[in-house]
Amino acid sequence: MNLSGLRRYASRSLAGRREAAVLAPVIERDGAAHLLFTKRAAHLGEHPGQMSFPGGGREPVDRTLTDTALREADEEVGLRPEEVDVVGRIDDTRTSSDYAVRPFVGVAPDREYIPDESEVAEVVVLPVEGLTDPANYESERRVGHPDYGDHRVHYFHVDGYTVWGVTGRMVVQLLERTSDWRAPEEVDRVVGADAELPI
């Protein structure tokens, strides 16, 4: 991954009723770039069991959304703010729960991370090489959603995990900004808004 362009990227900001931020930690392991994800705890009310980047809603204690991302990464997996080199961000995105989420990208050390079991079931480190392998990627266009209309959903299937949804959209943009990988223009299939998810 070439992260240098993120320092200069003029990312798109969104205003939202609720603000949130995530941190996409980049880890070098065995000479190759990896991304750290969390698997959300099954008992959570929003997006249980899904893969995500560490993050959450902005709190009054947070001076900036960067502070939000770093605080949440510390709380969820024990990644301390002073361990992270925040290199930039990608575009804000909106979630189904009406959060405007700002994704930051930072370089983090390769070490063991301990999940906060109240929020995180597992800490997962996936190789970028696996995420950019065409055999591990698929997408679909979901049509007729009552709130979002027609929209594309990206799926990355790596090492027995599936990254999709809002996090999948973030991964697409991050990979397209930092590598030669591009999401194919054509989707693999077109389905109704309530079709079963391929995960």
C-alpha atoms as a PDB file:
ATOM      1  CA  MET A   1       0.000   0.000   0.000  1.00  0.00           C
ATOM      2  CA  ASN A   2       1.189   3.487  -0.781  1.00  0.00           C
ATOM      3  CA  LEU A   3      -0.216   5.705   1.963  1.00  0.00           C
ATOM      4  CA  SER A   4       1.617   8.900   0.986  1.00  0.00           C
ATOM      5  CA  GLY A   5      -1.226  10.164  -1.199  1.00  0.00           C
ATOM      6  CA  LEU A   6      -3.645  10.139   1.726  1.00  0.00           C
ATOM      7  CA  ARG A   7      -1.783  13.010   3.372  1.00  0.00           C
ATOM      8  CA  ARG A   8      -2.712  15.220   0.420  1.00  0.00           C
ATOM      9  CA  TYR A   9      -6.141  13.803  -0.396  1.00  0.00           C
ATOM     10  CA  ALA A  10      -8.957  16.355  -0.050  1.00  0.00           C
ATOM     11  CA  SER A  11     -11.555  13.985   1.359  1.00  0.00           C
ATOM     12  CA  ARG A  12     -15.277  14.651   1.203  1.00  0.00           C
ATOM     13  CA  SER A  13     -16.983  15.643   4.451  1.00  0.00           C
ATOM     14  CA  LEU A  14     -20.621  15.040   5.359  1.00  0.00           C
ATOM     15  CA  ALA A  15     -22.810  16.810   7.858  1.00  0.00           C
ATOM     16  CA  GLY A  16     -24.922  14.404   9.839  1.00  0.00           C
ATOM     17  CA  ARG A  17     -27.354  14.278  12.682  1.00  0.00           C
ATOM     18  CA  ARG A  18     -24.831  12.104  14.537  1.00  0.00           C
ATOM     19  CA  GLU A  19     -21.056  12.170  14.067  1.00  0.00           C
ATOM     20  CA  ALA A  20     -18.776   9.157  14.282  1.00  0.00           C
ATOM     21  CA  ALA A  21     -15.253   8.193  13.297  1.00  0.00           C
ATOM     22  CA  VAL A  22     -13.312   5.011  12.664  1.00  0.00           C
ATOM     23  CA  LEU A  23      -9.627   4.183  12.399  1.00  0.00           C
ATOM     24  CA  ALA A  24      -8.365   1.876   9.647  1.00  0.00           C
ATOM     25  CA  PRO A  25      -5.113   0.591  11.200  1.00  0.00           C
ATOM     26  CA  VAL A  26      -2.465  -0.488   8.673  1.00  0.00           C
ATOM     27  CA  ILE A  27      -0.013  -3.055  10.039  1.00  0.00           C
ATOM     28  CA  GLU A  28       3.114  -4.379   8.379  1.00  0.00           C
ATOM     29  CA  ARG A  29       3.427  -8.102   9.015  1.00  0.00           C
ATOM     30  CA  ASP A  30       5.962 -10.398   7.369  1.00  0.00           C
ATOM     31  CA  GLY A  31       6.900  -7.594   4.982  1.00  0.00           C
ATOM     32  CA  ALA A  32       3.348  -7.079   3.712  1.00  0.00           C
ATOM     33  CA  ALA A  33       0.546  -4.624   4.508  1.00  0.00           C
ATOM     34  CA  HIS A  34      -2.439  -5.807   6.533  1.00  0.00           C
ATOM     35  CA  LEU A  35      -5.576  -4.094   7.857  1.00  0.00           C
ATOM     36  CA  LEU A  36      -6.907  -4.520  11.367  1.00  0.00           C
ATOM     37  CA  PHE A  37     -10.644  -5.103  11.751  1.00  0.00           C
ATOM     38  CA  THR A  38     -12.928  -5.887  14.646  1.00  0.00           C
ATOM     39  CA  LYS A  39     -15.713  -8.430  14.576  1.00  0.00           C
ATOM     40  CA  ARG A  40     -18.526  -6.763  16.443  1.00  0.00           C
ATOM     41  CA  ALA A  41     -19.997  -8.571  19.436  1.00  0.00           C
ATOM     42  CA  ALA A  42     -23.174 -10.530  18.698  1.00  0.00           C
ATOM     43  CA  HIS A  43     -25.181  -8.818  21.459  1.00  0.00           C
ATOM     44  CA  LEU A  44     -24.758  -5.269  20.086  1.00  0.00           C
ATOM     45  CA  GLY A  45     -27.906  -3.513  18.913  1.00  0.00           C
ATOM     46  CA  GLU A  46     -26.377  -2.111  15.709  1.00  0.00           C
ATOM     47  CA  HIS A  47     -24.577  -4.316  13.140  1.00  0.00           C
ATOM     48  CA  PRO A  48     -23.957  -7.290  15.473  1.00  0.00           C
ATOM     49  CA  GLY A  49     -21.372  -9.786  14.269  1.00  0.00           C
ATOM     50  CA  GLN A  50     -20.241  -7.623  11.364  1.00  0.00           C
ATOM     51  CA  MET A  51     -16.666  -6.770  10.491  1.00  0.00           C
ATOM     52  CA  SER A  52     -15.749  -3.157  11.073  1.00  0.00           C
ATOM     53  CA  PHE A  53     -12.873  -0.837  11.787  1.00  0.00           C
ATOM     54  CA  PRO A  54     -12.470   0.295  15.407  1.00  0.00           C
ATOM     55  CA  GLY A  55     -14.638   3.342  15.953  1.00  0.00           C
ATOM     56  CA  GLY A  56     -17.840   4.832  17.240  1.00  0.00           C
ATOM     57  CA  GLY A  57     -19.822   7.932  17.996  1.00  0.00           C
ATOM     58  CA  ARG A  58     -18.294  11.249  18.930  1.00  0.00           C
ATOM     59  CA  GLU A  59     -18.385  11.992  22.666  1.00  0.00           C
ATOM     60  CA  PRO A  60     -18.262  15.388  24.414  1.00  0.00           C
ATOM     61  CA  VAL A  61     -14.703  14.611  25.545  1.00  0.00           C
ATOM     62  CA  ASP A  62     -13.515  14.434  21.905  1.00  0.00           C
ATOM     63  CA  ARG A  63     -12.138  17.745  20.634  1.00  0.00           C
ATOM     64  CA  THR A  64     -12.000  16.429  17.060  1.00  0.00           C
ATOM     65  CA  LEU A  65     -13.147  13.392  15.119  1.00  0.00           C
ATOM     66  CA  THR A  66      -9.517  12.252  15.045  1.00  0.00           C
ATOM     67  CA  ASP A  67      -9.762  12.106  18.838  1.00  0.00           C
ATOM     68  CA  THR A  68     -12.931  10.021  18.480  1.00  0.00           C
ATOM     69  CA  ALA A  69     -11.245   7.469  16.205  1.00  0.00           C
ATOM     70  CA  LEU A  70      -8.180   7.165  18.432  1.00  0.00           C
ATOM     71  CA  ARG A  71     -10.197   6.943  21.663  1.00  0.00           C
ATOM     72  CA  GLU A  72     -12.435   4.236  20.239  1.00  0.00           C
ATOM     73  CA  ALA A  73      -9.463   2.213  18.938  1.00  0.00           C
ATOM     74  CA  ASP A  74      -7.932   2.371  22.395  1.00  0.00           C
ATOM     75  CA  GLU A  75     -11.184   1.337  24.080  1.00  0.00           C
ATOM     76  CA  GLU A  76     -12.043  -1.468  21.655  1.00  0.00           C
ATOM     77  CA  VAL A  77      -8.682  -3.147  21.025  1.00  0.00           C
ATOM     78  CA  GLY A  78      -6.119  -1.409  23.257  1.00  0.00           C
ATOM     79  CA  LEU A  79      -4.403   0.473  20.424  1.00  0.00           C
ATOM     80  CA  ARG A  80      -2.994   3.494  22.239  1.00  0.00           C
ATOM     81  CA  PRO A  81      -3.157   6.913  20.508  1.00  0.00           C
ATOM     82  CA  GLU A  82       0.593   7.430  20.809  1.00  0.00           C
ATOM     83  CA  GLU A  83       1.173   4.176  18.874  1.00  0.00           C
ATOM     84  CA  VAL A  84      -0.669   5.420  15.782  1.00  0.00           C
ATOM     85  CA  ASP A  85       0.702   7.539  12.946  1.00  0.00           C
ATOM     86  CA  VAL A  86      -2.460   8.990  11.404  1.00  0.00           C
ATOM     87  CA  VAL A  87      -1.545   9.476   7.746  1.00  0.00           C
ATOM     88  CA  GLY A  88      -4.828  10.844   6.424  1.00  0.00           C
ATOM     89  CA  ARG A  89      -8.454  10.030   5.810  1.00  0.00           C
ATOM     90  CA  ILE A  90     -10.874   8.956   3.133  1.00  0.00           C
ATOM     91  CA  ASP A  91     -14.367  10.229   2.361  1.00  0.00           C
ATOM     92  CA  ASP A  92     -17.044  10.412   5.027  1.00  0.00           C
ATOM     93  CA  THR A  93     -19.855   7.928   4.611  1.00  0.00           C
ATOM     94  CA  ARG A  94     -23.376   7.681   5.984  1.00  0.00           C
ATOM     95  CA  THR A  95     -24.728   4.618   7.782  1.00  0.00           C
ATOM     96  CA  SER A  96     -28.216   3.137   7.968  1.00  0.00           C
ATOM     97  CA  SER A  97     -28.351   4.358  11.583  1.00  0.00           C
ATOM     98  CA  ASP A  98     -27.918   7.966  10.357  1.00  0.00           C
ATOM     99  CA  TYR A  99     -24.312   8.478  11.423  1.00  0.00           C
ATOM    100  CA  ALA A 100     -21.924  10.522   9.296  1.00  0.00           C
ATOM    101  CA  VAL A 101     -18.736   8.471   9.725  1.00  0.00           C
ATOM    102  CA  ARG A 102     -15.260   9.894   9.116  1.00  0.00           C
ATOM    103  CA  PRO A 103     -12.654   7.178   8.360  1.00  0.00           C
ATOM    104  CA  PHE A 104      -9.049   7.880   9.340  1.00  0.00           C
ATOM    105  CA  VAL A 105      -6.094   5.767   8.223  1.00  0.00           C
ATOM    106  CA  GLY A 106      -3.138   5.184  10.521  1.00  0.00           C
ATOM    107  CA  VAL A 107      -0.041   3.020  10.737  1.00  0.00           C
ATOM    108  CA  ALA A 108      -0.046   0.798  13.833  1.00  0.00           C
ATOM    109  CA  PRO A 109       2.450  -1.669  15.306  1.00  0.00           C
ATOM    110  CA  ASP A 110       2.231  -5.404  14.684  1.00  0.00           C
ATOM    111  CA  ARG A 111       1.468  -6.804  18.125  1.00  0.00           C
ATOM    112  CA  GLU A 112      -1.276  -8.664  19.922  1.00  0.00           C
ATOM    113  CA  TYR A 113      -4.470  -6.643  20.443  1.00  0.00           C
ATOM    114  CA  ILE A 114      -6.963  -7.555  23.146  1.00  0.00           C
ATOM    115  CA  PRO A 115     -10.646  -6.967  22.337  1.00  0.00           C
ATOM    116  CA  ASP A 116     -12.998  -5.252  24.754  1.00  0.00           C
ATOM    117  CA  GLU A 117     -15.502  -8.098  24.992  1.00  0.00           C
ATOM    118  CA  SER A 118     -18.387  -5.725  25.708  1.00  0.00           C
ATOM    119  CA  GLU A 119     -18.111  -4.486  22.106  1.00  0.00           C
ATOM    120  CA  VAL A 120     -15.709  -6.699  20.173  1.00  0.00           C
ATOM    121  CA  ALA A 121     -15.873 -10.463  19.683  1.00  0.00           C
ATOM    122  CA  GLU A 122     -12.538 -10.729  17.873  1.00  0.00           C
ATOM    123  CA  VAL A 123      -9.658  -8.666  16.512  1.00  0.00           C
ATOM    124  CA  VAL A 124      -8.908  -9.729  12.925  1.00  0.00           C
ATOM    125  CA  VAL A 125      -5.855  -8.765  10.862  1.00  0.00           C
ATOM    126  CA  LEU A 126      -6.332  -9.430   7.124  1.00  0.00           C
ATOM    127  CA  PRO A 127      -3.676  -9.184   4.407  1.00  0.00           C
ATOM    128  CA  VAL A 128      -4.157  -6.480   1.790  1.00  0.00           C
ATOM    129  CA  GLU A 129      -2.987  -9.055  -0.747  1.00  0.00           C
ATOM    130  CA  GLY A 130      -6.044 -11.129   0.135  1.00  0.00           C
ATOM    131  CA  LEU A 131      -8.401  -8.156  -0.040  1.00  0.00           C
ATOM    132  CA  THR A 132      -7.145  -7.245  -3.521  1.00  0.00           C
ATOM    133  CA  ASP A 133      -7.312 -10.821  -4.865  1.00  0.00           C
ATOM    134  CA  PRO A 134     -10.114 -10.842  -7.482  1.00  0.00           C
ATOM    135  CA  ALA A 135     -11.114 -14.335  -6.355  1.00  0.00           C
ATOM    136  CA  ASN A 136     -12.029 -12.927  -2.920  1.00  0.00           C
ATOM    137  CA  TYR A 137     -14.239 -10.064  -4.119  1.00  0.00           C
ATOM    138  CA  GLU A 138     -17.824  -9.851  -5.316  1.00  0.00           C
ATOM    139  CA  SER A 139     -20.482  -7.163  -5.468  1.00  0.00           C
ATOM    140  CA  GLU A 140     -24.163  -6.842  -6.125  1.00  0.00           C
ATOM    141  CA  ARG A 141     -26.616  -4.100  -6.920  1.00  0.00           C
ATOM    142  CA  ARG A 142     -29.583  -4.061  -4.571  1.00  0.00           C
ATOM    143  CA  VAL A 143     -32.621  -2.412  -6.111  1.00  0.00           C
ATOM    144  CA  GLY A 144     -35.730  -0.856  -4.654  1.00  0.00           C
ATOM    145  CA  HIS A 145     -34.625  -0.179  -1.088  1.00  0.00           C
ATOM    146  CA  PRO A 146     -37.246   2.086   0.562  1.00  0.00           C
ATOM    147  CA  ASP A 147     -34.597   4.390   2.094  1.00  0.00           C
ATOM    148  CA  TYR A 148     -31.508   4.075  -0.137  1.00  0.00           C
ATOM    149  CA  GLY A 149     -32.953   3.219  -3.542  1.00  0.00           C
ATOM    150  CA  ASP A 150     -30.603   1.244  -5.772  1.00  0.00           C
ATOM    151  CA  HIS A 151     -27.152   0.793  -4.243  1.00  0.00           C
ATOM    152  CA  ARG A 152     -24.048  -1.358  -4.629  1.00  0.00           C
ATOM    153  CA  VAL A 153     -22.818  -3.678  -1.881  1.00  0.00           C
ATOM    154  CA  HIS A 154     -19.188  -4.871  -1.859  1.00  0.00           C
ATOM    155  CA  TYR A 155     -18.038  -8.153  -0.271  1.00  0.00           C
ATOM    156  CA  PHE A 156     -14.464  -9.188   0.546  1.00  0.00           C
ATOM    157  CA  HIS A 157     -14.138 -12.856   1.591  1.00  0.00           C
ATOM    158  CA  VAL A 158     -10.695 -13.398   3.162  1.00  0.00           C
ATOM    159  CA  ASP A 159      -9.473 -16.098   5.555  1.00  0.00           C
ATOM    160  CA  GLY A 160     -13.009 -17.118   6.501  1.00  0.00           C
ATOM    161  CA  TYR A 161     -14.197 -13.554   7.213  1.00  0.00           C
ATOM    162  CA  THR A 162     -16.463 -11.340   5.113  1.00  0.00           C
ATOM    163  CA  VAL A 163     -16.080  -7.562   5.090  1.00  0.00           C
ATOM    164  CA  TRP A 164     -19.121  -5.804   3.622  1.00  0.00           C
ATOM    165  CA  GLY A 165     -21.598  -2.967   4.216  1.00  0.00           C
ATOM    166  CA  VAL A 166     -20.257   0.439   5.202  1.00  0.00           C
ATOM    167  CA  THR A 167     -16.853  -1.066   6.037  1.00  0.00           C
ATOM    168  CA  GLY A 168     -16.742  -2.715   2.616  1.00  0.00           C
ATOM    169  CA  ARG A 169     -17.334   0.682   0.994  1.00  0.00           C
ATOM    170  CA  MET A 170     -14.487   2.133   3.054  1.00  0.00           C
ATOM    171  CA  VAL A 171     -12.156  -0.708   2.058  1.00  0.00           C
ATOM    172  CA  VAL A 172     -12.950  -0.145  -1.626  1.00  0.00           C
ATOM    173  CA  GLN A 173     -12.016   3.514  -1.401  1.00  0.00           C
ATOM    174  CA  LEU A 174      -8.941   2.863   0.726  1.00  0.00           C
ATOM    175  CA  LEU A 175      -7.614   0.223  -1.679  1.00  0.00           C
ATOM    176  CA  GLU A 176      -8.356   2.364  -4.727  1.00  0.00           C
ATOM    177  CA  ARG A 177      -6.487   5.287  -3.143  1.00  0.00           C
ATOM    178  CA  THR A 178      -3.448   3.302  -2.005  1.00  0.00           C
ATOM    179  CA  SER A 179      -2.985   0.432  -4.482  1.00  0.00           C
ATOM    180  CA  ASP A 180      -3.475  -0.553  -8.108  1.00  0.00           C
ATOM    181  CA  TRP A 181      -6.660  -2.458  -7.248  1.00  0.00           C
ATOM    182  CA  ARG A 182      -9.957  -1.174  -8.647  1.00  0.00           C
ATOM    183  CA  ALA A 183     -13.466  -2.467  -8.046  1.00  0.00           C
ATOM    184  CA  PRO A 184     -14.804  -3.940 -11.294  1.00  0.00           C
ATOM    185  CA  GLU A 185     -17.274  -1.669 -13.066  1.00  0.00           C
ATOM    186  CA  GLU A 186     -19.784  -4.480 -13.494  1.00  0.00           C
ATOM    187  CA  VAL A 187     -21.545  -6.054 -10.523  1.00  0.00           C
ATOM    188  CA  ASP A 188     -21.788  -9.828 -10.163  1.00  0.00           C
ATOM    189  CA  ARG A 189     -25.569  -9.788  -9.840  1.00  0.00           C
ATOM    190  CA  VAL A 190     -28.642  -7.603  -9.365  1.00  0.00           C
ATOM    191  CA  VAL A 191     -30.991  -8.533  -6.512  1.00  0.00           C
ATOM    192  CA  GLY A 192     -33.948  -7.107  -4.644  1.00  0.00           C
ATOM    193  CA  ALA A 193     -33.444  -4.994  -1.544  1.00  0.00           C
ATOM    194  CA  ASP A 194     -34.530  -7.857   0.755  1.00  0.00           C
ATOM    195  CA  ALA A 195     -32.487 -10.620  -0.898  1.00  0.00           C
ATOM    196  CA  GLU A 196     -30.445 -12.851   1.390  1.00  0.00           C
ATOM    197  CA  LEU A 197     -26.917 -11.582   1.994  1.00  0.00           C
ATOM    198  CA  PRO A 198     -24.089 -13.770   0.620  1.00  0.00           C
ATOM    199  CA  ILE A 199     -22.204 -13.950   3.922  1.00  0.00           C
END
